[in-house]
Amino acid sequence: MPPRFLVRSRPLTILLTAVLATAVPWALHAAPRVGAARRFTLRSATLPPQSTFARAQVYNKYGCRGRNISPALLWRNPPRATRSFAVLMFDPDAPGGVWWHWLLFDLPASTRALMAGAGDPGGSLPNGARQARNDYGTVGYGGPCPPPGPPHHYHITLYALRVAHLDLPNGAPADTVAAAVRAAAIARTGLVIPYGR
């Protein structure tokens, strides 16, 4: 049996419900559903879904005969708190562990796209953007060049960062750059592209 005070309060509850329904009809209904937040996404006209790297994006040494042109990238709906972007590209399937192919950071928050070839040291990057040395030992983009065998999976990850600039010295090693990017990240999105030879 419910406590006495609950039994006595029932008429009052009914009265209040009636008043609210008359005076404020919307008070008894759930708040309207807010649409799902727009998703932070990364796309590439160079690398559409279910594709692999073309010869243009492949490295041009060590038995690989590509043109080493970084892919075009386009992104949408970053978080409002974004103050800069970074792009990291790596191969987790490399024989010696992770192999860094591209480390680009300090991209201004207004950036929404990179043209093909932007990863070249003389490429068309926004003012202030910086690139680190990849594991080939060169600054900028270094395309895929796996050993013959099963395809490797190349991760191209775009990070939205809470800071406008990373406090990194010129020549900072790849692992240091990647750690700083991840520590400052508020969101990320990316592509995984297979490639083998």
N, C-alpha and C. Protein backbone atom coordinates (compact mmCIF):
# COMPACT_ATOMS: atom_id res chain seq x y z
N MET A 1 0.84 -1.19 0.00
CA MET A 1 0.00 0.00 0.00
C MET A 1 0.89 1.25 0.00
N PRO A 2 0.60 2.25 -0.88
CA PRO A 2 1.46 3.43 -0.94
C PRO A 2 1.33 4.27 0.30
N PRO A 3 2.33 5.06 0.65
CA PRO A 3 2.25 5.92 1.81
C PRO A 3 1.07 6.87 1.71
N ARG A 4 0.56 7.28 2.89
CA ARG A 4 -0.65 8.11 2.94
C ARG A 4 -0.47 9.44 2.19
N PHE A 5 0.72 10.04 2.29
CA PHE A 5 0.90 11.35 1.65
C PHE A 5 0.83 11.24 0.13
N LEU A 6 1.18 10.08 -0.44
CA LEU A 6 1.08 9.91 -1.88
C LEU A 6 -0.38 9.79 -2.31
N VAL A 7 -1.16 9.09 -1.51
CA VAL A 7 -2.58 8.94 -1.83
C VAL A 7 -3.26 10.29 -1.81
N ARG A 8 -2.95 11.10 -0.79
CA ARG A 8 -3.60 12.41 -0.67
C ARG A 8 -3.16 13.38 -1.77
N SER A 9 -1.97 13.20 -2.33
CA SER A 9 -1.48 14.14 -3.33
C SER A 9 -2.03 13.87 -4.72
N ARG A 10 -2.69 12.73 -4.91
CA ARG A 10 -3.16 12.36 -6.24
C ARG A 10 -4.12 13.38 -6.85
N PRO A 11 -5.12 13.87 -6.11
CA PRO A 11 -6.02 14.88 -6.70
C PRO A 11 -5.26 16.13 -7.14
N LEU A 12 -4.26 16.53 -6.35
CA LEU A 12 -3.49 17.71 -6.71
C LEU A 12 -2.72 17.48 -8.01
N THR A 13 -2.17 16.27 -8.17
CA THR A 13 -1.45 15.93 -9.40
C THR A 13 -2.37 16.00 -10.61
N ILE A 14 -3.58 15.48 -10.46
CA ILE A 14 -4.54 15.51 -11.57
C ILE A 14 -4.90 16.94 -11.92
N LEU A 15 -5.09 17.79 -10.88
CA LEU A 15 -5.45 19.18 -11.11
C LEU A 15 -4.33 19.92 -11.85
N LEU A 16 -3.08 19.73 -11.40
CA LEU A 16 -1.95 20.40 -12.05
C LEU A 16 -1.80 19.95 -13.50
N THR A 17 -2.01 18.67 -13.75
CA THR A 17 -1.91 18.15 -15.11
C THR A 17 -2.94 18.81 -16.01
N ALA A 18 -4.15 18.97 -15.51
CA ALA A 18 -5.21 19.60 -16.29
C ALA A 18 -4.89 21.06 -16.58
N VAL A 19 -4.39 21.75 -15.58
CA VAL A 19 -4.05 23.17 -15.76
C VAL A 19 -2.94 23.33 -16.80
N LEU A 20 -1.89 22.50 -16.70
CA LEU A 20 -0.79 22.58 -17.66
C LEU A 20 -1.26 22.27 -19.07
N ALA A 21 -2.11 21.28 -19.20
CA ALA A 21 -2.58 20.89 -20.52
C ALA A 21 -3.40 22.00 -21.16
N THR A 22 -4.11 22.80 -20.33
CA THR A 22 -4.93 23.88 -20.85
C THR A 22 -4.10 25.13 -21.13
N ALA A 23 -3.26 25.49 -20.14
CA ALA A 23 -2.53 26.75 -20.25
C ALA A 23 -1.28 26.64 -21.11
N VAL A 24 -0.57 25.50 -20.99
CA VAL A 24 0.68 25.31 -21.72
C VAL A 24 0.65 23.95 -22.40
N PRO A 25 0.00 23.82 -23.52
CA PRO A 25 -0.19 22.51 -24.15
C PRO A 25 1.10 21.77 -24.41
N TRP A 26 2.18 22.51 -24.71
CA TRP A 26 3.44 21.84 -25.05
C TRP A 26 4.16 21.30 -23.82
N ALA A 27 3.73 21.66 -22.62
CA ALA A 27 4.45 21.27 -21.41
C ALA A 27 4.40 19.77 -21.17
N LEU A 28 3.37 19.09 -21.71
CA LEU A 28 3.23 17.66 -21.45
C LEU A 28 3.86 16.80 -22.54
N HIS A 29 4.47 17.44 -23.51
CA HIS A 29 5.07 16.69 -24.61
C HIS A 29 6.59 16.73 -24.51
N ALA A 30 7.22 15.69 -25.00
CA ALA A 30 8.68 15.65 -25.01
C ALA A 30 9.20 16.76 -25.90
N ALA A 31 10.40 17.23 -25.57
CA ALA A 31 11.03 18.27 -26.40
C ALA A 31 11.23 17.73 -27.80
N PRO A 32 11.12 18.59 -28.81
CA PRO A 32 11.33 18.10 -30.19
C PRO A 32 12.71 17.50 -30.34
N ARG A 33 12.81 16.46 -31.11
CA ARG A 33 14.09 15.77 -31.29
C ARG A 33 15.02 16.62 -32.14
N VAL A 34 16.21 16.75 -31.66
CA VAL A 34 17.21 17.51 -32.39
C VAL A 34 17.87 16.55 -33.38
N GLY A 35 18.06 17.01 -34.59
CA GLY A 35 18.69 16.15 -35.60
C GLY A 35 20.09 15.75 -35.18
N ALA A 36 20.53 14.63 -35.68
CA ALA A 36 21.87 14.14 -35.33
C ALA A 36 22.92 15.16 -35.76
N ALA A 37 23.94 15.31 -34.93
CA ALA A 37 25.02 16.24 -35.24
C ALA A 37 25.67 15.85 -36.57
N ARG A 38 26.02 16.85 -37.35
CA ARG A 38 26.66 16.57 -38.64
C ARG A 38 28.02 15.94 -38.37
N ARG A 39 28.33 14.91 -39.13
CA ARG A 39 29.52 14.12 -38.88
C ARG A 39 30.74 14.72 -39.56
N PHE A 40 31.84 14.75 -38.82
CA PHE A 40 33.14 15.19 -39.33
C PHE A 40 33.62 14.13 -40.32
N THR A 41 33.79 14.50 -41.57
CA THR A 41 34.12 13.51 -42.60
C THR A 41 35.29 13.97 -43.47
N LEU A 42 36.01 13.00 -43.99
CA LEU A 42 37.12 13.23 -44.91
C LEU A 42 36.86 12.43 -46.18
N ARG A 43 37.05 13.09 -47.33
CA ARG A 43 36.90 12.42 -48.62
C ARG A 43 38.08 12.77 -49.51
N SER A 44 38.21 12.01 -50.59
CA SER A 44 39.27 12.30 -51.56
C SER A 44 38.79 11.93 -52.95
N ALA A 45 38.81 12.92 -53.85
CA ALA A 45 38.48 12.62 -55.25
C ALA A 45 39.55 11.72 -55.86
N THR A 46 40.76 11.81 -55.33
CA THR A 46 41.86 10.98 -55.81
C THR A 46 41.68 9.53 -55.36
N LEU A 47 41.10 9.34 -54.19
CA LEU A 47 40.97 8.00 -53.59
C LEU A 47 39.51 7.75 -53.22
N PRO A 48 38.64 7.51 -54.20
CA PRO A 48 37.23 7.25 -53.88
C PRO A 48 37.07 5.94 -53.12
N PRO A 49 35.91 5.71 -52.51
CA PRO A 49 35.69 4.47 -51.77
C PRO A 49 35.99 3.23 -52.60
N GLN A 50 36.56 2.24 -51.95
CA GLN A 50 36.90 0.95 -52.56
C GLN A 50 38.04 1.05 -53.57
N SER A 51 38.80 2.13 -53.53
CA SER A 51 39.89 2.29 -54.49
C SER A 51 41.23 2.00 -53.83
N THR A 52 42.27 2.07 -54.62
CA THR A 52 43.63 1.95 -54.12
C THR A 52 44.44 3.11 -54.69
N PHE A 53 45.70 3.21 -54.29
CA PHE A 53 46.53 4.30 -54.79
C PHE A 53 46.83 4.09 -56.28
N ALA A 54 46.75 5.17 -57.03
CA ALA A 54 47.17 5.15 -58.42
C ALA A 54 48.67 5.36 -58.47
N ARG A 55 49.24 5.14 -59.64
CA ARG A 55 50.68 5.31 -59.79
C ARG A 55 51.13 6.73 -59.40
N ALA A 56 50.26 7.69 -59.61
CA ALA A 56 50.60 9.08 -59.30
C ALA A 56 50.92 9.27 -57.82
N GLN A 57 50.27 8.53 -56.93
CA GLN A 57 50.48 8.71 -55.49
C GLN A 57 51.60 7.82 -54.93
N VAL A 58 52.07 6.86 -55.70
CA VAL A 58 53.07 5.89 -55.22
C VAL A 58 54.45 6.53 -55.18
N TYR A 59 55.28 6.06 -54.25
CA TYR A 59 56.64 6.57 -54.11
C TYR A 59 57.45 6.27 -55.38
N ASN A 60 58.60 6.96 -55.51
CA ASN A 60 59.36 6.82 -56.76
C ASN A 60 60.79 6.32 -56.56
N LYS A 61 61.02 5.54 -55.52
CA LYS A 61 62.33 4.92 -55.29
C LYS A 61 62.13 3.54 -54.70
N TYR A 62 63.24 2.85 -54.45
CA TYR A 62 63.23 1.54 -53.79
C TYR A 62 62.37 0.52 -54.54
N GLY A 63 62.46 0.56 -55.85
CA GLY A 63 61.70 -0.40 -56.66
C GLY A 63 60.30 0.05 -57.01
N CYS A 64 59.87 1.17 -56.48
CA CYS A 64 58.54 1.71 -56.80
C CYS A 64 58.68 2.80 -57.85
N ARG A 65 57.76 2.83 -58.78
CA ARG A 65 57.86 3.77 -59.90
C ARG A 65 56.60 4.63 -59.98
N GLY A 66 56.44 5.47 -59.00
CA GLY A 66 55.30 6.38 -59.00
C GLY A 66 55.75 7.81 -59.18
N ARG A 67 54.84 8.73 -58.98
CA ARG A 67 55.14 10.16 -59.13
C ARG A 67 55.14 10.88 -57.79
N ASN A 68 54.77 10.17 -56.73
CA ASN A 68 54.85 10.71 -55.36
C ASN A 68 54.06 12.01 -55.19
N ILE A 69 52.83 12.02 -55.68
CA ILE A 69 51.96 13.18 -55.56
C ILE A 69 50.94 12.91 -54.45
N SER A 70 50.89 13.76 -53.45
CA SER A 70 49.92 13.56 -52.36
C SER A 70 48.50 13.66 -52.89
N PRO A 71 47.57 12.89 -52.32
CA PRO A 71 46.18 12.92 -52.81
C PRO A 71 45.46 14.21 -52.44
N ALA A 72 44.47 14.54 -53.25
CA ALA A 72 43.57 15.65 -52.91
C ALA A 72 42.69 15.21 -51.74
N LEU A 73 42.44 16.12 -50.81
CA LEU A 73 41.61 15.82 -49.64
C LEU A 73 40.57 16.91 -49.46
N LEU A 74 39.39 16.52 -48.99
CA LEU A 74 38.30 17.44 -48.74
C LEU A 74 37.59 17.01 -47.46
N TRP A 75 37.31 17.95 -46.57
CA TRP A 75 36.62 17.57 -45.33
C TRP A 75 35.51 18.55 -44.99
N ARG A 76 34.58 18.05 -44.15
CA ARG A 76 33.41 18.84 -43.77
C ARG A 76 33.07 18.62 -42.30
N ASN A 77 32.36 19.62 -41.77
CA ASN A 77 31.76 19.56 -40.43
C ASN A 77 32.74 19.33 -39.29
N PRO A 78 33.86 20.06 -39.24
CA PRO A 78 34.72 19.93 -38.07
C PRO A 78 34.05 20.52 -36.84
N PRO A 79 34.49 20.16 -35.64
CA PRO A 79 33.92 20.76 -34.43
C PRO A 79 34.12 22.28 -34.41
N ARG A 80 33.21 22.99 -33.78
CA ARG A 80 33.30 24.45 -33.72
C ARG A 80 34.55 24.91 -32.98
N ALA A 81 35.02 24.11 -32.06
CA ALA A 81 36.18 24.50 -31.26
C ALA A 81 37.51 24.30 -32.00
N THR A 82 37.45 23.84 -33.24
CA THR A 82 38.69 23.58 -34.00
C THR A 82 39.47 24.87 -34.22
N ARG A 83 40.77 24.81 -33.92
CA ARG A 83 41.65 25.97 -34.15
C ARG A 83 42.73 25.68 -35.18
N SER A 84 42.91 24.41 -35.53
CA SER A 84 43.81 24.04 -36.63
C SER A 84 43.56 22.58 -36.97
N PHE A 85 44.19 22.12 -38.05
CA PHE A 85 44.07 20.73 -38.48
C PHE A 85 45.47 20.13 -38.66
N ALA A 86 45.51 18.80 -38.62
CA ALA A 86 46.73 18.06 -38.94
C ALA A 86 46.35 16.83 -39.73
N VAL A 87 47.24 16.40 -40.61
CA VAL A 87 47.06 15.17 -41.39
C VAL A 87 48.24 14.26 -41.10
N LEU A 88 47.94 13.04 -40.70
CA LEU A 88 48.97 12.02 -40.50
C LEU A 88 48.66 10.84 -41.41
N MET A 89 49.66 10.38 -42.14
CA MET A 89 49.51 9.18 -42.97
C MET A 89 50.60 8.18 -42.59
N PHE A 90 50.17 6.96 -42.29
CA PHE A 90 51.14 5.94 -41.88
C PHE A 90 50.70 4.56 -42.33
N ASP A 91 51.68 3.66 -42.34
CA ASP A 91 51.46 2.25 -42.70
C ASP A 91 51.74 1.41 -41.47
N PRO A 92 50.71 0.84 -40.84
CA PRO A 92 50.95 0.00 -39.66
C PRO A 92 51.43 -1.40 -40.01
N ASP A 93 51.42 -1.76 -41.30
CA ASP A 93 51.80 -3.10 -41.73
C ASP A 93 53.25 -3.21 -42.17
N ALA A 94 54.01 -2.12 -42.04
CA ALA A 94 55.41 -2.14 -42.47
C ALA A 94 56.20 -3.16 -41.66
N PRO A 95 57.19 -3.80 -42.26
CA PRO A 95 57.94 -4.87 -41.56
C PRO A 95 58.55 -4.45 -40.23
N GLY A 96 59.02 -3.22 -40.12
CA GLY A 96 59.64 -2.78 -38.87
C GLY A 96 58.70 -2.08 -37.92
N GLY A 97 57.41 -2.11 -38.19
CA GLY A 97 56.44 -1.38 -37.37
C GLY A 97 55.87 -0.22 -38.17
N VAL A 98 55.28 0.74 -37.47
CA VAL A 98 54.64 1.87 -38.14
C VAL A 98 55.65 2.64 -39.00
N TRP A 99 55.25 2.94 -40.23
CA TRP A 99 56.07 3.73 -41.14
C TRP A 99 55.31 5.01 -41.46
N TRP A 100 55.92 6.14 -41.14
CA TRP A 100 55.28 7.44 -41.35
C TRP A 100 55.51 7.93 -42.77
N HIS A 101 54.41 8.24 -43.46
CA HIS A 101 54.46 8.70 -44.85
C HIS A 101 54.22 10.19 -45.00
N TRP A 102 53.47 10.78 -44.06
CA TRP A 102 53.14 12.20 -44.21
C TRP A 102 52.72 12.73 -42.85
N LEU A 103 53.30 13.87 -42.46
CA LEU A 103 52.94 14.53 -41.20
C LEU A 103 52.82 16.02 -41.49
N LEU A 104 51.59 16.49 -41.56
CA LEU A 104 51.27 17.86 -41.92
C LEU A 104 50.48 18.46 -40.76
N PHE A 105 50.85 19.64 -40.29
CA PHE A 105 50.16 20.23 -39.14
C PHE A 105 50.17 21.75 -39.24
N ASP A 106 49.50 22.40 -38.29
CA ASP A 106 49.30 23.85 -38.27
C ASP A 106 48.52 24.34 -39.49
N LEU A 107 47.64 23.49 -40.02
CA LEU A 107 46.73 23.94 -41.07
C LEU A 107 45.69 24.86 -40.44
N PRO A 108 45.48 26.06 -40.97
CA PRO A 108 44.51 26.98 -40.37
C PRO A 108 43.11 26.37 -40.26
N ALA A 109 42.38 26.82 -39.26
CA ALA A 109 41.04 26.28 -39.00
C ALA A 109 40.07 26.53 -40.15
N SER A 110 40.35 27.51 -40.99
CA SER A 110 39.47 27.80 -42.13
C SER A 110 39.68 26.84 -43.29
N THR A 111 40.72 26.02 -43.24
CA THR A 111 41.04 25.11 -44.35
C THR A 111 39.98 24.01 -44.44
N ARG A 112 39.55 23.69 -45.64
CA ARG A 112 38.59 22.60 -45.85
C ARG A 112 39.04 21.64 -46.94
N ALA A 113 40.18 21.92 -47.57
CA ALA A 113 40.62 21.05 -48.65
C ALA A 113 42.11 21.23 -48.90
N LEU A 114 42.72 20.19 -49.47
CA LEU A 114 44.10 20.24 -49.94
C LEU A 114 44.11 19.75 -51.38
N MET A 115 44.78 20.48 -52.23
CA MET A 115 44.89 20.07 -53.63
C MET A 115 45.86 18.90 -53.74
N ALA A 116 45.71 18.11 -54.79
CA ALA A 116 46.68 17.06 -55.07
C ALA A 116 48.06 17.71 -55.22
N GLY A 117 49.06 17.10 -54.61
CA GLY A 117 50.41 17.65 -54.68
C GLY A 117 50.74 18.63 -53.58
N ALA A 118 49.79 18.93 -52.69
CA ALA A 118 50.06 19.88 -51.62
C ALA A 118 51.16 19.40 -50.68
N GLY A 119 51.37 18.09 -50.60
CA GLY A 119 52.38 17.53 -49.71
C GLY A 119 53.80 17.63 -50.21
N ASP A 120 53.97 18.13 -51.43
CA ASP A 120 55.32 18.36 -51.95
C ASP A 120 55.91 19.54 -51.19
N PRO A 121 57.23 19.52 -50.89
CA PRO A 121 57.82 20.66 -50.17
C PRO A 121 57.55 22.01 -50.82
N GLY A 122 57.35 22.03 -52.12
CA GLY A 122 57.02 23.28 -52.81
C GLY A 122 55.55 23.38 -53.16
N GLY A 123 54.72 22.54 -52.53
CA GLY A 123 53.30 22.48 -52.85
C GLY A 123 52.53 23.68 -52.34
N SER A 124 51.25 23.74 -52.72
CA SER A 124 50.41 24.88 -52.38
C SER A 124 49.70 24.65 -51.05
N LEU A 125 50.42 24.83 -49.95
CA LEU A 125 49.83 24.70 -48.62
C LEU A 125 49.39 26.08 -48.12
N PRO A 126 48.37 26.12 -47.26
CA PRO A 126 47.98 27.40 -46.67
C PRO A 126 49.13 28.01 -45.86
N ASN A 127 49.11 29.33 -45.73
CA ASN A 127 50.14 30.02 -44.96
C ASN A 127 50.18 29.50 -43.53
N GLY A 128 51.37 29.23 -43.06
CA GLY A 128 51.55 28.77 -41.68
C GLY A 128 51.60 27.27 -41.53
N ALA A 129 51.13 26.52 -42.52
CA ALA A 129 51.15 25.05 -42.42
C ALA A 129 52.58 24.54 -42.45
N ARG A 130 52.82 23.46 -41.70
CA ARG A 130 54.17 22.89 -41.60
C ARG A 130 54.12 21.40 -41.88
N GLN A 131 55.25 20.87 -42.38
CA GLN A 131 55.37 19.44 -42.63
C GLN A 131 56.63 18.91 -41.95
N ALA A 132 56.52 17.70 -41.44
CA ALA A 132 57.66 17.07 -40.78
C ALA A 132 58.33 16.08 -41.72
N ARG A 133 59.45 15.57 -41.29
CA ARG A 133 60.21 14.59 -42.07
C ARG A 133 59.54 13.23 -41.94
N ASN A 134 59.28 12.58 -43.07
CA ASN A 134 58.69 11.25 -43.05
C ASN A 134 59.78 10.19 -42.86
N ASP A 135 59.39 8.92 -42.85
CA ASP A 135 60.37 7.86 -42.59
C ASP A 135 61.25 7.54 -43.79
N TYR A 136 61.00 8.17 -44.94
CA TYR A 136 61.96 8.08 -46.04
C TYR A 136 63.11 9.06 -45.83
N GLY A 137 62.92 9.96 -44.86
CA GLY A 137 63.95 10.96 -44.59
C GLY A 137 63.76 12.27 -45.32
N THR A 138 62.60 12.46 -45.92
CA THR A 138 62.32 13.70 -46.65
C THR A 138 61.15 14.44 -46.01
N VAL A 139 61.12 15.74 -46.19
CA VAL A 139 60.02 16.55 -45.65
C VAL A 139 58.84 16.49 -46.61
N GLY A 140 57.65 16.29 -46.07
CA GLY A 140 56.44 16.26 -46.89
C GLY A 140 55.93 14.85 -47.12
N TYR A 141 55.20 14.71 -48.21
CA TYR A 141 54.54 13.44 -48.54
C TYR A 141 55.53 12.43 -49.11
N GLY A 142 55.41 11.18 -48.66
CA GLY A 142 56.14 10.05 -49.24
C GLY A 142 55.14 8.95 -49.50
N GLY A 143 54.89 8.64 -50.73
CA GLY A 143 53.83 7.70 -51.09
C GLY A 143 54.11 6.27 -50.69
N PRO A 144 53.12 5.39 -50.86
CA PRO A 144 53.28 3.99 -50.50
C PRO A 144 54.32 3.29 -51.37
N CYS A 145 55.05 2.40 -50.75
CA CYS A 145 56.03 1.58 -51.46
C CYS A 145 56.29 0.33 -50.62
N PRO A 146 55.28 -0.54 -50.49
CA PRO A 146 55.45 -1.71 -49.64
C PRO A 146 56.32 -2.76 -50.33
N PRO A 147 56.89 -3.67 -49.57
CA PRO A 147 57.60 -4.79 -50.21
C PRO A 147 56.61 -5.67 -50.95
N PRO A 148 57.05 -6.40 -51.96
CA PRO A 148 56.13 -7.31 -52.66
C PRO A 148 55.46 -8.26 -51.67
N GLY A 149 54.18 -8.49 -51.89
CA GLY A 149 53.43 -9.37 -50.99
C GLY A 149 52.02 -8.86 -50.78
N PRO A 150 51.39 -9.24 -49.68
CA PRO A 150 50.01 -8.82 -49.42
C PRO A 150 49.91 -7.29 -49.34
N PRO A 151 48.74 -6.74 -49.65
CA PRO A 151 48.55 -5.29 -49.57
C PRO A 151 48.76 -4.77 -48.13
N HIS A 152 49.30 -3.59 -48.04
CA HIS A 152 49.37 -2.88 -46.77
C HIS A 152 48.18 -1.93 -46.69
N HIS A 153 47.88 -1.48 -45.47
CA HIS A 153 46.72 -0.60 -45.25
C HIS A 153 47.22 0.76 -44.78
N TYR A 154 47.04 1.76 -45.63
CA TYR A 154 47.57 3.09 -45.37
C TYR A 154 46.48 3.96 -44.74
N HIS A 155 46.77 4.45 -43.56
CA HIS A 155 45.81 5.27 -42.82
C HIS A 155 46.12 6.75 -43.08
N ILE A 156 45.12 7.46 -43.60
CA ILE A 156 45.21 8.91 -43.76
C ILE A 156 44.21 9.50 -42.78
N THR A 157 44.70 10.10 -41.72
CA THR A 157 43.83 10.60 -40.65
C THR A 157 43.93 12.11 -40.55
N LEU A 158 42.76 12.74 -40.54
CA LEU A 158 42.66 14.18 -40.35
C LEU A 158 42.25 14.45 -38.92
N TYR A 159 43.00 15.29 -38.23
CA TYR A 159 42.72 15.64 -36.83
C TYR A 159 42.29 17.10 -36.74
N ALA A 160 41.22 17.35 -35.99
CA ALA A 160 40.85 18.71 -35.60
C ALA A 160 41.50 18.98 -34.24
N LEU A 161 42.24 20.07 -34.15
CA LEU A 161 43.01 20.35 -32.94
C LEU A 161 42.46 21.55 -32.17
N ARG A 162 42.69 21.54 -30.86
CA ARG A 162 42.23 22.62 -30.00
C ARG A 162 43.20 23.81 -29.97
N VAL A 163 44.34 23.68 -30.62
CA VAL A 163 45.34 24.75 -30.63
C VAL A 163 45.59 25.21 -32.07
N ALA A 164 45.96 26.48 -32.22
CA ALA A 164 46.22 27.02 -33.55
C ALA A 164 47.57 26.57 -34.09
N HIS A 165 48.53 26.36 -33.17
CA HIS A 165 49.89 25.96 -33.58
C HIS A 165 50.44 24.95 -32.58
N LEU A 166 51.14 23.96 -33.08
CA LEU A 166 51.83 23.02 -32.21
C LEU A 166 53.21 23.57 -31.90
N ASP A 167 53.57 23.49 -30.65
CA ASP A 167 54.86 24.02 -30.22
C ASP A 167 55.94 22.97 -30.47
N LEU A 168 56.31 22.86 -31.74
CA LEU A 168 57.29 21.85 -32.15
C LEU A 168 58.44 22.51 -32.88
N PRO A 169 59.67 22.11 -32.58
CA PRO A 169 60.81 22.68 -33.30
C PRO A 169 60.89 22.13 -34.72
N ASN A 170 61.50 22.86 -35.60
CA ASN A 170 61.76 22.33 -36.94
C ASN A 170 62.63 21.08 -36.82
N GLY A 171 62.31 20.08 -37.58
CA GLY A 171 63.08 18.84 -37.54
C GLY A 171 62.64 17.88 -36.46
N ALA A 172 61.52 18.15 -35.79
CA ALA A 172 61.02 17.23 -34.77
C ALA A 172 60.75 15.87 -35.41
N PRO A 173 61.15 14.77 -34.73
CA PRO A 173 60.93 13.43 -35.32
C PRO A 173 59.45 13.10 -35.46
N ALA A 174 59.17 12.18 -36.37
CA ALA A 174 57.79 11.84 -36.69
C ALA A 174 56.99 11.40 -35.47
N ASP A 175 57.56 10.56 -34.63
CA ASP A 175 56.82 10.09 -33.46
C ASP A 175 56.45 11.24 -32.52
N THR A 176 57.34 12.22 -32.40
CA THR A 176 57.07 13.38 -31.55
C THR A 176 55.94 14.21 -32.13
N VAL A 177 55.97 14.42 -33.44
CA VAL A 177 54.91 15.18 -34.10
C VAL A 177 53.57 14.46 -33.93
N ALA A 178 53.56 13.16 -34.18
CA ALA A 178 52.31 12.40 -34.07
C ALA A 178 51.76 12.45 -32.65
N ALA A 179 52.63 12.34 -31.65
CA ALA A 179 52.18 12.40 -30.26
C ALA A 179 51.59 13.76 -29.93
N ALA A 180 52.20 14.84 -30.42
CA ALA A 180 51.69 16.18 -30.16
C ALA A 180 50.34 16.39 -30.84
N VAL A 181 50.20 15.90 -32.06
CA VAL A 181 48.92 16.00 -32.77
C VAL A 181 47.83 15.29 -31.99
N ARG A 182 48.08 14.07 -31.59
CA ARG A 182 47.05 13.29 -30.90
C ARG A 182 46.70 13.89 -29.54
N ALA A 183 47.68 14.47 -28.87
CA ALA A 183 47.42 15.08 -27.56
C ALA A 183 46.53 16.31 -27.68
N ALA A 184 46.60 17.01 -28.81
CA ALA A 184 45.83 18.24 -29.00
C ALA A 184 44.52 18.01 -29.76
N ALA A 185 44.24 16.78 -30.13
CA ALA A 185 43.08 16.49 -30.96
C ALA A 185 41.77 16.56 -30.18
N ILE A 186 40.75 17.11 -30.82
CA ILE A 186 39.40 17.07 -30.26
C ILE A 186 38.48 16.20 -31.12
N ALA A 187 38.90 15.88 -32.33
CA ALA A 187 38.13 14.98 -33.20
C ALA A 187 39.05 14.50 -34.31
N ARG A 188 38.65 13.39 -34.92
CA ARG A 188 39.43 12.88 -36.05
C ARG A 188 38.52 12.13 -37.00
N THR A 189 38.96 12.03 -38.23
CA THR A 189 38.26 11.27 -39.25
C THR A 189 39.32 10.80 -40.24
N GLY A 190 39.00 9.82 -41.06
CA GLY A 190 40.07 9.36 -41.92
C GLY A 190 39.66 8.34 -42.96
N LEU A 191 40.66 7.93 -43.72
CA LEU A 191 40.52 6.93 -44.78
C LEU A 191 41.55 5.84 -44.53
N VAL A 192 41.22 4.62 -44.91
CA VAL A 192 42.18 3.52 -44.91
C VAL A 192 42.21 2.96 -46.33
N ILE A 193 43.39 3.07 -46.95
CA ILE A 193 43.52 2.71 -48.36
C ILE A 193 44.49 1.53 -48.50
N PRO A 194 44.05 0.41 -49.08
CA PRO A 194 44.97 -0.72 -49.29
C PRO A 194 45.81 -0.51 -50.53
N TYR A 195 47.05 -1.01 -50.47
CA TYR A 195 47.91 -0.96 -51.65
C TYR A 195 48.97 -2.04 -51.51
N GLY A 196 49.18 -2.79 -52.58
CA GLY A 196 50.21 -3.82 -52.59
C GLY A 196 50.85 -3.90 -53.96
N ARG A 197 51.95 -4.63 -54.03
CA ARG A 197 52.60 -4.83 -55.33
C ARG A 197 53.28 -6.20 -55.36
